[in-house]
Amino acid sequence: MNILTTARKLNYGTPFFFARRDILEERYLSFRQLLGDDAEICYALKANSVPEILTHLKDIGSSFEAASAFEIKILLDLGVNPKNIIYGTSIKPSDHIRQACKWGINRFAADSREEVDKVA
């Protein structure tokens, strides 16, 4: 199936995201092979948070990077294990950090001493 041919047949008035699960999976597995088994691939929700894509990535072994409690909740509602989620935005509201901890998130990214102190 040619993606452009298929996309041109669709009648959407605004931009949209077109993806095929088989291609997504093939690219993910290729990336995984290049990085090796010791690497963890964390898909960032900001790239695309369509539930079907997130679920498929979860099912093939992906971990995730979320930038807010709202994104973490999306992942948890889809059945993603909290151990497979990194809370990784540069500035996190304190209430989002507390909520993430209550949900079992224990991995955070920080790019300043102040953010490390806030998470601690």
Protein backbone atom coordinates (compact mmCIF):
# COMPACT_ATOMS: atom_id res chain seq x y z
CA MET A 1 0.00 0.00 0.00
CA ASN A 2 1.34 3.42 -0.96
CA ILE A 3 0.88 5.84 1.94
CA LEU A 4 0.57 8.94 -0.26
CA THR A 5 -2.05 7.29 -2.47
CA THR A 6 -4.05 6.26 0.58
CA ALA A 7 -3.71 9.66 2.26
CA ARG A 8 -4.90 11.49 -0.87
CA LYS A 9 -8.12 9.45 -0.79
CA LEU A 10 -8.96 10.73 2.70
CA ASN A 11 -11.07 13.85 3.02
CA TYR A 12 -9.66 15.91 5.91
CA GLY A 13 -9.80 19.71 6.04
CA THR A 14 -6.80 20.07 8.34
CA PRO A 15 -3.43 18.35 8.68
CA PHE A 16 -3.58 14.86 10.14
CA PHE A 17 -1.20 12.11 11.19
CA PHE A 18 -1.18 8.96 9.05
CA ALA A 19 0.66 5.91 10.37
CA ARG A 20 0.75 2.19 9.75
CA ARG A 21 1.38 -0.09 12.70
CA ASP A 22 3.57 -2.45 10.70
CA ILE A 23 5.87 0.39 9.63
CA LEU A 24 5.93 1.85 13.16
CA GLU A 25 6.85 -1.55 14.57
CA GLU A 26 9.50 -2.20 11.93
CA ARG A 27 11.16 1.18 12.61
CA TYR A 28 11.00 0.66 16.38
CA LEU A 29 12.57 -2.80 16.15
CA SER A 30 15.29 -1.52 13.79
CA PHE A 31 16.11 1.26 16.23
CA ARG A 32 16.15 -1.23 19.11
CA GLN A 33 18.53 -3.48 17.19
CA LEU A 34 20.89 -0.57 16.46
CA LEU A 35 20.98 0.49 20.12
CA GLY A 36 21.28 -2.99 21.57
CA ASP A 37 19.37 -4.80 24.29
CA ASP A 38 20.81 -2.69 27.11
CA ALA A 39 19.27 0.54 25.79
CA GLU A 40 15.81 1.68 26.78
CA ILE A 41 13.76 3.47 24.15
CA CYS A 42 11.48 6.14 25.61
CA TYR A 43 8.90 7.54 23.22
CA ALA A 44 8.00 11.19 23.97
CA LEU A 45 4.27 11.80 24.06
CA LYS A 46 4.79 15.31 22.70
CA ALA A 47 5.63 13.69 19.36
CA ASN A 48 2.20 12.07 19.06
CA SER A 49 -0.21 11.05 21.81
CA VAL A 50 -2.76 9.14 19.75
CA PRO A 51 -3.87 6.27 22.04
CA GLU A 52 -3.63 3.62 19.32
CA ILE A 53 0.00 4.53 18.63
CA LEU A 54 0.89 4.62 22.33
CA THR A 55 -0.79 1.26 22.92
CA HIS A 56 1.03 -0.34 20.01
CA LEU A 57 4.37 1.03 21.21
CA LYS A 58 3.63 -0.26 24.72
CA ASP A 59 2.74 -3.69 23.32
CA ILE A 60 6.05 -3.96 21.42
CA GLY A 61 8.11 -2.96 24.46
CA SER A 62 8.59 0.79 24.38
CA SER A 63 8.99 2.94 27.46
CA PHE A 64 7.78 6.54 27.50
CA GLU A 65 8.75 10.10 28.40
CA ALA A 66 5.98 12.32 29.70
CA ALA A 67 6.09 16.08 30.22
CA SER A 68 3.22 16.49 32.68
CA ALA A 69 0.91 14.68 35.07
CA PHE A 70 -1.70 14.83 32.30
CA GLU A 71 0.54 12.86 29.93
CA ILE A 72 1.42 10.39 32.68
CA LYS A 73 -2.31 9.81 33.29
CA ILE A 74 -2.83 9.08 29.58
CA LEU A 75 -0.14 6.40 29.75
CA LEU A 76 -1.43 4.87 32.98
CA ASP A 77 -4.97 4.74 31.58
CA LEU A 78 -3.55 2.77 28.64
CA GLY A 79 -1.98 0.25 31.02
CA VAL A 80 1.63 1.41 30.82
CA ASN A 81 3.63 0.26 33.84
CA PRO A 82 4.86 3.26 35.90
CA LYS A 83 8.34 1.71 35.79
CA ASN A 84 8.29 2.35 32.03
CA ILE A 85 7.61 6.07 32.36
CA ILE A 86 10.12 8.88 32.80
CA TYR A 87 8.83 12.29 33.87
CA GLY A 88 11.17 14.37 31.81
CA THR A 89 10.30 17.99 31.29
CA SER A 90 12.67 20.72 32.41
CA ILE A 91 10.28 22.50 34.80
CA LYS A 92 7.75 20.40 36.69
CA PRO A 93 4.98 21.83 38.88
CA SER A 94 5.34 20.55 42.45
CA ASP A 95 1.79 19.16 42.44
CA HIS A 96 2.56 17.18 39.27
CA ILE A 97 5.66 15.72 40.93
CA ARG A 98 3.63 14.67 43.97
CA GLN A 99 0.95 13.10 41.77
CA ALA A 100 3.54 11.27 39.67
CA CYS A 101 5.07 9.81 42.85
CA LYS A 102 1.63 8.68 44.06
CA TRP A 103 1.17 6.89 40.74
CA GLY A 104 4.49 5.08 41.16
CA ILE A 105 6.67 7.15 38.84
CA ASN A 106 10.20 7.13 40.23
CA ARG A 107 12.32 8.34 37.32
CA PHE A 108 12.67 12.04 36.62
CA ALA A 109 14.88 14.05 34.30
CA ALA A 110 16.18 17.41 35.44
CA ASP A 111 18.44 20.00 33.88
CA SER A 112 19.10 22.25 36.85
CA ARG A 113 20.06 21.95 40.51
CA GLU A 114 16.80 23.66 41.47
CA GLU A 115 14.76 21.05 39.63
CA VAL A 116 16.71 18.24 41.33
CA ASP A 117 15.98 19.84 44.70
CA LYS A 118 12.30 20.20 43.85
CA VAL A 119 12.00 16.53 42.85
CA ALA A 120 13.90 15.45 45.97
